Amino acid sequence: VAGIFDKFGSSIESADTKGQKFSKTMGTLGGGLMLGVAAGAVAGGIAVFSLGEKADAVQAQMSNAFKNAGTSVAAFQPQISAVDAKLTTFGYTNTTTNAAITRLVGVTGNAKESLGAMGLAADIAKARHLDLNGAVDLMAKTMAGNITAAKRMGIEIPPEILKIKDPTEKANAVMGILTEHFKGSASAAAGTFGGQMAALKASGENLGTTIGQKLVPVIET
């Protein structure tokens, strides 16, 4: 009987030793894991903070552009939100879209017209493989009456339009040609696997930006 208890005691001691080793090992691993999680959290926090700062800067610029155009962002917020939501489905973040809106309003001085043209800007960007701001630059020049900009997009302008004397009328006619030529390009791109992934990425970045914008005033105070 004593031998049995001796063996049992040895088993308990062995199990206890193994348990201590296991706990020590897991503690070490846990410390490493926690450090990894903490490092990831810090990196993620810095990333969303940066997104928030960038978005705030763009919104300040947009507010100034709308003010210079004789209006305000608040007056057009529903339209801006609708454009942001639509272009997110095309793979553009709200910050990217707002920067493009700012650029167009700054050139045209017309907030309503600029917001209405953002769908066409996305179509041109996808069709011509440009970033959104690049498409907006070409479109802004066209809206200002620069026919060369339209030609750079591969558009042939009919002679009857070239003969139009009034700059605004000519620009509107050319914009009509651009709309007809490029319409549906962004939607077509959004329907591809790559387009769907781009939209998913943009949505995720929008979420990170929202979180970052909430962090900015907390961290800076």
C-alpha atoms as a PDB file:
ATOM      1  CA  VAL A   1       0.000   0.000   0.000  1.00  0.00           C
ATOM      2  CA  ALA A   2       2.838   2.312   0.909  1.00  0.00           C
ATOM      3  CA  GLY A   3       4.339   1.639  -2.502  1.00  0.00           C
ATOM      4  CA  ILE A   4       1.116   2.543  -4.182  1.00  0.00           C
ATOM      5  CA  PHE A   5       0.916   5.839  -2.270  1.00  0.00           C
ATOM      6  CA  ASP A   6       4.564   6.523  -3.045  1.00  0.00           C
ATOM      7  CA  LYS A   7       3.832   6.105  -6.754  1.00  0.00           C
ATOM      8  CA  PHE A   8       0.662   8.212  -6.446  1.00  0.00           C
ATOM      9  CA  GLY A   9       2.636  10.941  -4.660  1.00  0.00           C
ATOM     10  CA  SER A  10       5.275  10.860  -7.357  1.00  0.00           C
ATOM     11  CA  SER A  11       2.559  11.185 -10.011  1.00  0.00           C
ATOM     12  CA  ILE A  12       1.068  14.192  -8.241  1.00  0.00           C
ATOM     13  CA  GLU A  13       4.495  15.807  -7.926  1.00  0.00           C
ATOM     14  CA  SER A  14       5.188  15.124 -11.595  1.00  0.00           C
ATOM     15  CA  ALA A  15       1.820  16.544 -12.642  1.00  0.00           C
ATOM     16  CA  ASP A  16       2.392  19.588 -10.417  1.00  0.00           C
ATOM     17  CA  THR A  17       5.806  20.195 -11.973  1.00  0.00           C
ATOM     18  CA  LYS A  18       4.378  19.878 -15.470  1.00  0.00           C
ATOM     19  CA  GLY A  19       1.577  22.220 -14.541  1.00  0.00           C
ATOM     20  CA  GLN A  20       4.047  24.804 -13.291  1.00  0.00           C
ATOM     21  CA  LYS A  21       6.060  24.485 -16.495  1.00  0.00           C
ATOM     22  CA  PHE A  22       2.880  24.792 -18.548  1.00  0.00           C
ATOM     23  CA  SER A  23       1.774  27.873 -16.605  1.00  0.00           C
ATOM     24  CA  LYS A  24       5.209  29.421 -16.979  1.00  0.00           C
ATOM     25  CA  THR A  25       5.249  28.692 -20.709  1.00  0.00           C
ATOM     26  CA  MET A  26       1.744  30.071 -21.219  1.00  0.00           C
ATOM     27  CA  GLY A  27       2.646  33.112 -19.145  1.00  0.00           C
ATOM     28  CA  THR A  28       5.594  33.775 -21.401  1.00  0.00           C
ATOM     29  CA  LEU A  29       3.515  33.188 -24.510  1.00  0.00           C
ATOM     30  CA  GLY A  30       0.682  35.247 -23.068  1.00  0.00           C
ATOM     31  CA  GLY A  31       3.052  38.122 -22.397  1.00  0.00           C
ATOM     32  CA  GLY A  32       4.255  37.940 -25.986  1.00  0.00           C
ATOM     33  CA  LEU A  33       0.735  37.715 -27.293  1.00  0.00           C
ATOM     34  CA  MET A  34      -0.366  40.653 -25.181  1.00  0.00           C
ATOM     35  CA  LEU A  35       2.595  42.677 -26.408  1.00  0.00           C
ATOM     36  CA  GLY A  36       1.662  41.736 -29.966  1.00  0.00           C
ATOM     37  CA  VAL A  37      -1.946  42.720 -29.414  1.00  0.00           C
ATOM     38  CA  ALA A  38      -0.875  45.959 -27.761  1.00  0.00           C
ATOM     39  CA  ALA A  39       1.504  46.758 -30.614  1.00  0.00           C
ATOM     40  CA  GLY A  40      -1.242  46.024 -33.118  1.00  0.00           C
ATOM     41  CA  ALA A  41      -3.660  48.213 -31.204  1.00  0.00           C
ATOM     42  CA  VAL A  42      -1.169  51.086 -31.113  1.00  0.00           C
ATOM     43  CA  ALA A  43      -0.468  50.735 -34.837  1.00  0.00           C
ATOM     44  CA  GLY A  44      -4.194  50.577 -35.553  1.00  0.00           C
ATOM     45  CA  GLY A  45      -4.819  53.589 -33.331  1.00  0.00           C
ATOM     46  CA  ILE A  46      -2.162  55.602 -35.146  1.00  0.00           C
ATOM     47  CA  ALA A  47      -3.644  54.570 -38.504  1.00  0.00           C
ATOM     48  CA  VAL A  48      -7.203  55.641 -37.670  1.00  0.00           C
ATOM     49  CA  PHE A  49      -5.928  58.816 -36.014  1.00  0.00           C
ATOM     50  CA  SER A  50      -4.089  59.661 -39.252  1.00  0.00           C
ATOM     51  CA  LEU A  51      -7.247  58.970 -41.277  1.00  0.00           C
ATOM     52  CA  GLY A  52      -9.218  61.228 -38.956  1.00  0.00           C
ATOM     53  CA  GLU A  53      -6.694  64.049 -39.224  1.00  0.00           C
ATOM     54  CA  LYS A  54      -6.670  63.829 -43.028  1.00  0.00           C
ATOM     55  CA  ALA A  55     -10.473  63.835 -43.192  1.00  0.00           C
ATOM     56  CA  ASP A  56     -10.667  66.859 -40.891  1.00  0.00           C
ATOM     57  CA  ALA A  57      -8.172  68.727 -43.080  1.00  0.00           C
ATOM     58  CA  VAL A  58     -10.158  67.944 -46.235  1.00  0.00           C
ATOM     59  CA  GLN A  59     -13.403  69.011 -44.583  1.00  0.00           C
ATOM     60  CA  ALA A  60     -11.827  72.317 -43.564  1.00  0.00           C
ATOM     61  CA  GLN A  61     -10.714  72.884 -47.160  1.00  0.00           C
ATOM     62  CA  MET A  62     -14.161  71.939 -48.441  1.00  0.00           C
ATOM     63  CA  SER A  63     -15.811  74.344 -46.015  1.00  0.00           C
ATOM     64  CA  ASN A  64     -13.573  77.129 -47.290  1.00  0.00           C
ATOM     65  CA  ALA A  65     -14.293  76.270 -50.953  1.00  0.00           C
ATOM     66  CA  PHE A  66     -18.055  76.314 -50.363  1.00  0.00           C
ATOM     67  CA  LYS A  67     -17.754  79.602 -48.478  1.00  0.00           C
ATOM     68  CA  ASN A  68     -15.841  81.129 -51.396  1.00  0.00           C
ATOM     69  CA  ALA A  69     -18.607  79.895 -53.693  1.00  0.00           C
ATOM     70  CA  GLY A  70     -21.128  81.880 -51.649  1.00  0.00           C
ATOM     71  CA  THR A  71     -22.669  78.989 -49.760  1.00  0.00           C
ATOM     72  CA  SER A  72     -21.849  76.475 -47.031  1.00  0.00           C
ATOM     73  CA  VAL A  73     -21.229  72.763 -46.570  1.00  0.00           C
ATOM     74  CA  ALA A  74     -24.204  72.637 -44.185  1.00  0.00           C
ATOM     75  CA  ALA A  75     -26.529  73.884 -46.933  1.00  0.00           C
ATOM     76  CA  PHE A  76     -25.476  70.974 -49.168  1.00  0.00           C
ATOM     77  CA  GLN A  77     -24.835  68.276 -46.556  1.00  0.00           C
ATOM     78  CA  PRO A  78     -27.600  65.903 -47.756  1.00  0.00           C
ATOM     79  CA  GLN A  79     -26.277  66.078 -51.338  1.00  0.00           C
ATOM     80  CA  ILE A  80     -22.674  65.651 -50.162  1.00  0.00           C
ATOM     81  CA  SER A  81     -23.619  62.606 -48.085  1.00  0.00           C
ATOM     82  CA  ALA A  82     -25.464  61.096 -51.049  1.00  0.00           C
ATOM     83  CA  VAL A  83     -22.461  61.625 -53.346  1.00  0.00           C
ATOM     84  CA  ASP A  84     -20.107  60.165 -50.708  1.00  0.00           C
ATOM     85  CA  ALA A  85     -22.299  57.073 -50.331  1.00  0.00           C
ATOM     86  CA  LYS A  86     -22.593  56.562 -54.091  1.00  0.00           C
ATOM     87  CA  LEU A  87     -18.894  56.924 -54.772  1.00  0.00           C
ATOM     88  CA  THR A  88     -18.031  54.554 -51.913  1.00  0.00           C
ATOM     89  CA  THR A  89     -19.731  51.845 -53.999  1.00  0.00           C
ATOM     90  CA  PHE A  90     -17.252  52.765 -56.754  1.00  0.00           C
ATOM     91  CA  GLY A  91     -14.299  52.296 -54.395  1.00  0.00           C
ATOM     92  CA  TYR A  92     -13.681  55.907 -53.353  1.00  0.00           C
ATOM     93  CA  THR A  93     -13.467  56.842 -49.688  1.00  0.00           C
ATOM     94  CA  ASN A  94     -15.430  59.809 -48.378  1.00  0.00           C
ATOM     95  CA  THR A  95     -12.165  61.701 -47.881  1.00  0.00           C
ATOM     96  CA  THR A  96     -11.134  61.109 -51.509  1.00  0.00           C
ATOM     97  CA  THR A  97     -14.570  62.129 -52.765  1.00  0.00           C
ATOM     98  CA  ASN A  98     -14.697  65.233 -50.570  1.00  0.00           C
ATOM     99  CA  ALA A  99     -11.256  66.300 -51.779  1.00  0.00           C
ATOM    100  CA  ALA A 100     -12.461  65.978 -55.373  1.00  0.00           C
ATOM    101  CA  ILE A 101     -15.639  67.931 -54.607  1.00  0.00           C
ATOM    102  CA  THR A 102     -13.508  70.651 -53.013  1.00  0.00           C
ATOM    103  CA  ARG A 103     -11.303  70.805 -56.094  1.00  0.00           C
ATOM    104  CA  LEU A 104     -14.274  71.110 -58.456  1.00  0.00           C
ATOM    105  CA  VAL A 105     -16.120  73.703 -56.375  1.00  0.00           C
ATOM    106  CA  GLY A 106     -12.917  75.720 -56.157  1.00  0.00           C
ATOM    107  CA  VAL A 107     -12.610  75.809 -59.948  1.00  0.00           C
ATOM    108  CA  THR A 108     -16.257  76.260 -60.928  1.00  0.00           C
ATOM    109  CA  GLY A 109     -17.455  78.348 -57.984  1.00  0.00           C
ATOM    110  CA  ASN A 110     -20.713  76.398 -58.200  1.00  0.00           C
ATOM    111  CA  ALA A 111     -21.435  73.853 -55.463  1.00  0.00           C
ATOM    112  CA  LYS A 112     -24.654  72.473 -56.963  1.00  0.00           C
ATOM    113  CA  GLU A 113     -23.146  71.979 -60.409  1.00  0.00           C
ATOM    114  CA  SER A 114     -20.015  70.402 -58.956  1.00  0.00           C
ATOM    115  CA  LEU A 115     -21.907  67.891 -56.839  1.00  0.00           C
ATOM    116  CA  GLY A 116     -24.061  66.979 -59.827  1.00  0.00           C
ATOM    117  CA  ALA A 117     -20.937  66.293 -61.886  1.00  0.00           C
ATOM    118  CA  MET A 118     -19.276  63.888 -59.447  1.00  0.00           C
ATOM    119  CA  GLY A 119     -20.924  60.819 -60.966  1.00  0.00           C
ATOM    120  CA  LEU A 120     -19.449  61.760 -64.329  1.00  0.00           C
ATOM    121  CA  ALA A 121     -16.057  62.306 -62.669  1.00  0.00           C
ATOM    122  CA  ALA A 122     -16.175  58.715 -61.374  1.00  0.00           C
ATOM    123  CA  ASP A 123     -17.186  57.448 -64.827  1.00  0.00           C
ATOM    124  CA  ILE A 124     -14.261  59.275 -66.465  1.00  0.00           C
ATOM    125  CA  ALA A 125     -11.825  58.082 -63.792  1.00  0.00           C
ATOM    126  CA  LYS A 126     -12.774  54.433 -64.289  1.00  0.00           C
ATOM    127  CA  ALA A 127     -12.917  54.600 -68.075  1.00  0.00           C
ATOM    128  CA  ARG A 128      -9.615  56.449 -68.454  1.00  0.00           C
ATOM    129  CA  HIS A 129      -7.860  54.701 -65.532  1.00  0.00           C
ATOM    130  CA  LEU A 130      -7.292  57.961 -63.665  1.00  0.00           C
ATOM    131  CA  ASP A 131      -7.528  58.774 -59.997  1.00  0.00           C
ATOM    132  CA  LEU A 132     -10.614  60.776 -59.052  1.00  0.00           C
ATOM    133  CA  ASN A 133      -8.759  64.084 -58.755  1.00  0.00           C
ATOM    134  CA  GLY A 134      -7.182  63.578 -62.177  1.00  0.00           C
ATOM    135  CA  ALA A 135     -10.622  63.083 -63.711  1.00  0.00           C
ATOM    136  CA  VAL A 136     -11.945  66.129 -61.849  1.00  0.00           C
ATOM    137  CA  ASP A 137      -9.094  68.268 -63.171  1.00  0.00           C
ATOM    138  CA  LEU A 138      -9.896  67.358 -66.776  1.00  0.00           C
ATOM    139  CA  MET A 139     -13.597  67.849 -66.199  1.00  0.00           C
ATOM    140  CA  ALA A 140     -13.104  71.203 -64.464  1.00  0.00           C
ATOM    141  CA  LYS A 141     -11.136  72.472 -67.442  1.00  0.00           C
ATOM    142  CA  THR A 142     -13.888  71.285 -69.770  1.00  0.00           C
ATOM    143  CA  MET A 143     -16.534  72.987 -67.649  1.00  0.00           C
ATOM    144  CA  ALA A 144     -14.454  76.175 -67.898  1.00  0.00           C
ATOM    145  CA  GLY A 145     -14.611  75.921 -71.689  1.00  0.00           C
ATOM    146  CA  ASN A 146     -11.276  74.194 -72.368  1.00  0.00           C
ATOM    147  CA  ILE A 147     -12.048  71.924 -75.337  1.00  0.00           C
ATOM    148  CA  THR A 148      -8.490  70.536 -75.336  1.00  0.00           C
ATOM    149  CA  ALA A 149      -9.217  68.819 -72.028  1.00  0.00           C
ATOM    150  CA  ALA A 150     -12.088  66.911 -73.625  1.00  0.00           C
ATOM    151  CA  LYS A 151      -9.847  65.872 -76.503  1.00  0.00           C
ATOM    152  CA  ARG A 152      -7.325  64.535 -73.991  1.00  0.00           C
ATOM    153  CA  MET A 153     -10.067  62.205 -72.809  1.00  0.00           C
ATOM    154  CA  GLY A 154     -10.349  60.808 -76.323  1.00  0.00           C
ATOM    155  CA  ILE A 155     -13.449  62.780 -77.260  1.00  0.00           C
ATOM    156  CA  GLU A 156     -13.978  64.147 -80.750  1.00  0.00           C
ATOM    157  CA  ILE A 157     -15.944  67.390 -80.629  1.00  0.00           C
ATOM    158  CA  PRO A 158     -18.396  67.858 -83.544  1.00  0.00           C
ATOM    159  CA  PRO A 159     -17.765  70.973 -85.707  1.00  0.00           C
ATOM    160  CA  GLU A 160     -21.185  72.415 -84.867  1.00  0.00           C
ATOM    161  CA  ILE A 161     -20.260  72.534 -81.182  1.00  0.00           C
ATOM    162  CA  LEU A 162     -16.882  74.079 -81.894  1.00  0.00           C
ATOM    163  CA  LYS A 163     -18.701  76.896 -83.680  1.00  0.00           C
ATOM    164  CA  ILE A 164     -20.732  77.851 -80.614  1.00  0.00           C
ATOM    165  CA  LYS A 165     -19.688  81.335 -79.519  1.00  0.00           C
ATOM    166  CA  ASP A 166     -21.070  81.425 -75.977  1.00  0.00           C
ATOM    167  CA  PRO A 167     -18.487  79.756 -73.644  1.00  0.00           C
ATOM    168  CA  THR A 168     -21.091  78.476 -71.186  1.00  0.00           C
ATOM    169  CA  GLU A 169     -23.273  77.026 -73.923  1.00  0.00           C
ATOM    170  CA  LYS A 170     -20.261  75.372 -75.534  1.00  0.00           C
ATOM    171  CA  ALA A 171     -19.085  73.925 -72.220  1.00  0.00           C
ATOM    172  CA  ASN A 172     -22.549  72.529 -71.485  1.00  0.00           C
ATOM    173  CA  ALA A 173     -22.668  70.926 -74.934  1.00  0.00           C
ATOM    174  CA  VAL A 174     -19.263  69.295 -74.427  1.00  0.00           C
ATOM    175  CA  MET A 175     -20.267  68.088 -70.954  1.00  0.00           C
ATOM    176  CA  GLY A 176     -23.292  66.466 -72.551  1.00  0.00           C
ATOM    177  CA  ILE A 177     -21.007  64.591 -74.944  1.00  0.00           C
ATOM    178  CA  LEU A 178     -18.781  63.467 -72.073  1.00  0.00           C
ATOM    179  CA  THR A 179     -21.788  62.227 -70.100  1.00  0.00           C
ATOM    180  CA  GLU A 180     -23.078  60.230 -73.055  1.00  0.00           C
ATOM    181  CA  HIS A 181     -19.647  58.801 -73.844  1.00  0.00           C
ATOM    182  CA  PHE A 182     -18.611  57.727 -70.342  1.00  0.00           C
ATOM    183  CA  LYS A 183     -21.926  56.977 -68.625  1.00  0.00           C
ATOM    184  CA  GLY A 184     -22.078  53.666 -66.801  1.00  0.00           C
ATOM    185  CA  SER A 185     -18.293  53.168 -66.643  1.00  0.00           C
ATOM    186  CA  ALA A 186     -18.097  53.415 -62.849  1.00  0.00           C
ATOM    187  CA  SER A 187     -21.092  51.106 -62.352  1.00  0.00           C
ATOM    188  CA  ALA A 188     -19.591  48.562 -64.736  1.00  0.00           C
ATOM    189  CA  ALA A 189     -16.286  48.615 -62.850  1.00  0.00           C
ATOM    190  CA  ALA A 190     -18.123  48.293 -59.520  1.00  0.00           C
ATOM    191  CA  GLY A 191     -19.735  45.077 -60.751  1.00  0.00           C
ATOM    192  CA  THR A 192     -16.386  43.298 -61.120  1.00  0.00           C
ATOM    193  CA  PHE A 193     -14.673  41.359 -58.320  1.00  0.00           C
ATOM    194  CA  GLY A 194     -11.971  44.021 -58.132  1.00  0.00           C
ATOM    195  CA  GLY A 195     -14.604  46.732 -57.946  1.00  0.00           C
ATOM    196  CA  GLN A 196     -16.422  44.958 -55.127  1.00  0.00           C
ATOM    197  CA  MET A 197     -13.181  44.578 -53.171  1.00  0.00           C
ATOM    198  CA  ALA A 198     -12.408  48.280 -53.717  1.00  0.00           C
ATOM    199  CA  ALA A 199     -15.852  49.217 -52.392  1.00  0.00           C
ATOM    200  CA  LEU A 200     -15.367  46.986 -49.351  1.00  0.00           C
ATOM    201  CA  LYS A 201     -11.978  48.551 -48.673  1.00  0.00           C
ATOM    202  CA  ALA A 202     -13.414  52.068 -49.034  1.00  0.00           C
ATOM    203  CA  SER A 203     -16.224  51.245 -46.591  1.00  0.00           C
ATOM    204  CA  GLY A 204     -13.710  49.936 -44.064  1.00  0.00           C
ATOM    205  CA  GLU A 205     -11.565  53.030 -44.409  1.00  0.00           C
ATOM    206  CA  ASN A 206     -14.636  55.237 -43.971  1.00  0.00           C
ATOM    207  CA  LEU A 207     -15.317  53.458 -40.680  1.00  0.00           C
ATOM    208  CA  GLY A 208     -11.711  53.910 -39.580  1.00  0.00           C
ATOM    209  CA  THR A 209     -11.920  57.585 -40.504  1.00  0.00           C
ATOM    210  CA  THR A 210     -15.044  58.067 -38.394  1.00  0.00           C
ATOM    211  CA  ILE A 211     -13.305  56.475 -35.413  1.00  0.00           C
ATOM    212  CA  GLY A 212     -10.190  58.562 -36.062  1.00  0.00           C
ATOM    213  CA  GLN A 213     -12.169  61.793 -36.169  1.00  0.00           C
ATOM    214  CA  LYS A 214     -13.526  60.985 -32.721  1.00  0.00           C
ATOM    215  CA  LEU A 215     -10.001  60.285 -31.454  1.00  0.00           C
ATOM    216  CA  VAL A 216      -8.447  63.500 -32.797  1.00  0.00           C
ATOM    217  CA  PRO A 217      -9.967  65.915 -30.227  1.00  0.00           C
ATOM    218  CA  VAL A 218      -9.390  63.430 -27.405  1.00  0.00           C
ATOM    219  CA  ILE A 219      -5.690  62.912 -28.189  1.00  0.00           C
ATOM    220  CA  GLU A 220      -4.993  66.573 -28.970  1.00  0.00           C
ATOM    221  CA  THR A 221      -6.445  67.848 -25.674  1.00  0.00           C
END
